[in-house]
Structure formats: structure tokens, C-alpha cells
Amino acid sequence: MTVRSILFACAALVLVATGRPTSAEILQGVPDVIVCDLEQGKIVVYVARRLNDGSTLYESLEREYMAVITIDANGILHWQNQPSCDGKNVQQLRDGGQAFDFGG
């Protein structure tokens, strides 16, 4: 188990243990977790940081996968080479079970 996965687990445990309603994202306007299809399965990426240009960096717990995902002014997600997610808006991803927040 990596340090990062332990930190994610601790953060999720604190959110659940406080009993407070938690519906906000870590970074407002973008999901905490995005799941997209790959040829060999699925990739799960977690929000890592917001860049100065407004794009958001997501990382997989597998260090070899990194993706810069941008969401434009119309709310459309752009993730190059990920056809199962690219071109969808955040609500479509949520409705399709591909975008989640740690708080619910």
C-alpha cells in the first residue's frame, strides 16, 4: 500500500466518520474521481491539482498514468485518447457512473 493510497483512505474515513453531509468536491466544479475505459480494463484517476490556466490534473495511483483533463466554459470534458470520457460534460459522466466525489 502506498502512502498516497493510505492518505486517500484516511481522508475518506474522516469524511464518513464526521457524519456531516459532504456533497462538495475537493476542487469546486470538477469531480474527485473519474473512471474511463481502456483497452485492458478501466482507469481510475483522482484529482491532484488545479493549474493556473484552470485545467485540472488527475493522477492514477499507478504512477505511470497521468492525465491533464480540461473542462471548458461549456462544461465539456476533454481528455485526449480517452473516448469513453472525452467530449462528455461532468453531469453526463456522473449520470453514467464515471465521475464521483469522495463525500458522496
Protein backbone atom coordinates (compact mmCIF):
# COMPACT_ATOMS: atom_id res chain seq x y z
CA MET A 1 0.00 0.00 0.00
CA THR A 2 1.44 3.36 -0.98
CA VAL A 3 1.48 6.49 1.14
CA ARG A 4 -0.89 8.17 -1.30
CA SER A 5 -3.45 5.35 -1.08
CA ILE A 6 -3.24 5.46 2.72
CA LEU A 7 -3.90 9.22 2.63
CA PHE A 8 -6.91 8.74 0.34
CA ALA A 9 -8.28 6.07 2.67
CA CYS A 10 -7.77 8.30 5.73
CA ALA A 11 -9.49 11.25 4.04
CA ALA A 12 -12.46 9.08 3.10
CA LEU A 13 -12.66 7.67 6.63
CA VAL A 14 -12.67 11.16 8.18
CA LEU A 15 -15.45 12.26 5.84
CA VAL A 16 -17.56 9.23 6.74
CA ALA A 17 -16.79 9.37 10.47
CA THR A 18 -17.78 13.03 10.91
CA GLY A 19 -21.35 12.27 9.94
CA ARG A 20 -21.66 15.64 8.23
CA PRO A 21 -23.33 15.87 4.86
CA THR A 22 -20.48 16.05 2.38
CA SER A 23 -21.52 16.76 -1.15
CA ALA A 24 -18.84 19.25 -2.15
CA GLU A 25 -15.94 18.36 -4.39
CA ILE A 26 -12.32 18.74 -3.33
CA LEU A 27 -11.89 21.28 -6.15
CA GLN A 28 -15.14 23.02 -6.97
CA GLY A 29 -16.64 22.26 -10.36
CA VAL A 30 -14.76 19.04 -11.06
CA PRO A 31 -15.25 15.50 -9.72
CA ASP A 32 -12.79 13.98 -7.27
CA VAL A 33 -12.64 10.70 -9.19
CA ILE A 34 -13.12 9.87 -12.88
CA VAL A 35 -13.33 6.36 -14.35
CA CYS A 36 -12.71 5.76 -18.06
CA ASP A 37 -12.43 2.65 -20.21
CA LEU A 38 -9.08 1.45 -21.51
CA GLU A 39 -8.37 -1.41 -23.89
CA GLN A 40 -7.38 -3.69 -21.00
CA GLY A 41 -9.99 -2.51 -18.48
CA LYS A 42 -10.70 0.74 -16.70
CA ILE A 43 -8.53 3.57 -15.41
CA VAL A 44 -9.43 5.37 -12.20
CA VAL A 45 -7.90 8.81 -11.75
CA TYR A 46 -8.05 11.13 -8.76
CA VAL A 47 -7.97 14.92 -8.71
CA ALA A 48 -4.45 16.11 -7.92
CA ARG A 49 -4.32 19.86 -8.53
CA ARG A 50 -5.80 22.81 -10.34
CA LEU A 51 -3.39 24.53 -12.71
CA ASN A 52 -3.19 28.30 -13.26
CA ASP A 53 -4.93 28.02 -16.64
CA GLY A 54 -7.98 26.43 -14.98
CA SER A 55 -7.31 22.89 -16.18
CA THR A 56 -7.21 20.11 -13.63
CA LEU A 57 -4.54 17.45 -13.19
CA TYR A 58 -5.72 13.94 -12.34
CA GLU A 59 -3.43 11.07 -11.39
CA SER A 60 -3.87 7.34 -11.12
CA LEU A 61 -2.48 5.51 -8.12
CA GLU A 62 -0.37 3.77 -10.75
CA ARG A 63 2.33 6.38 -11.30
CA GLU A 64 2.67 5.57 -14.99
CA TYR A 65 -0.72 7.14 -15.76
CA MET A 66 -1.16 10.91 -15.60
CA ALA A 67 -3.71 12.97 -17.41
CA VAL A 68 -4.42 16.65 -17.77
CA ILE A 69 -8.16 16.95 -18.07
CA THR A 70 -9.69 20.25 -19.04
CA ILE A 71 -13.28 21.29 -18.69
CA ASP A 72 -14.15 24.17 -21.00
CA ALA A 73 -16.57 27.08 -20.43
CA ASN A 74 -19.45 24.92 -21.69
CA GLY A 75 -18.67 22.24 -19.10
CA ILE A 76 -17.30 19.76 -21.65
CA LEU A 77 -14.53 17.43 -20.52
CA HIS A 78 -11.51 17.00 -22.79
CA TRP A 79 -9.24 14.02 -22.14
CA GLN A 80 -7.10 13.13 -25.13
CA ASN A 81 -7.15 9.47 -26.19
CA GLN A 82 -9.96 8.56 -23.76
CA PRO A 83 -13.03 8.21 -25.98
CA SER A 84 -15.18 6.86 -23.15
CA CYS A 85 -14.85 10.23 -21.36
CA ASP A 86 -13.70 12.80 -23.93
CA GLY A 87 -16.43 15.18 -25.10
CA LYS A 88 -18.83 14.47 -22.22
CA ASN A 89 -19.84 17.01 -19.65
CA VAL A 90 -19.38 16.34 -15.95
CA GLN A 91 -23.09 15.63 -15.43
CA GLN A 92 -23.05 13.01 -18.20
CA LEU A 93 -20.08 11.35 -16.51
CA ARG A 94 -21.87 11.42 -13.14
CA ASP A 95 -25.08 10.04 -14.66
CA GLY A 96 -23.08 7.30 -16.38
CA GLY A 97 -21.33 6.27 -13.17
CA GLN A 98 -17.94 7.58 -14.35
CA ALA A 99 -17.48 10.59 -12.01
CA PHE A 100 -17.63 10.63 -8.24
CA ASP A 101 -16.87 12.78 -5.19
CA PHE A 102 -15.35 11.41 -2.01
CA GLY A 103 -18.20 12.90 0.02
CA GLY A 104 -20.95 11.19 -1.92
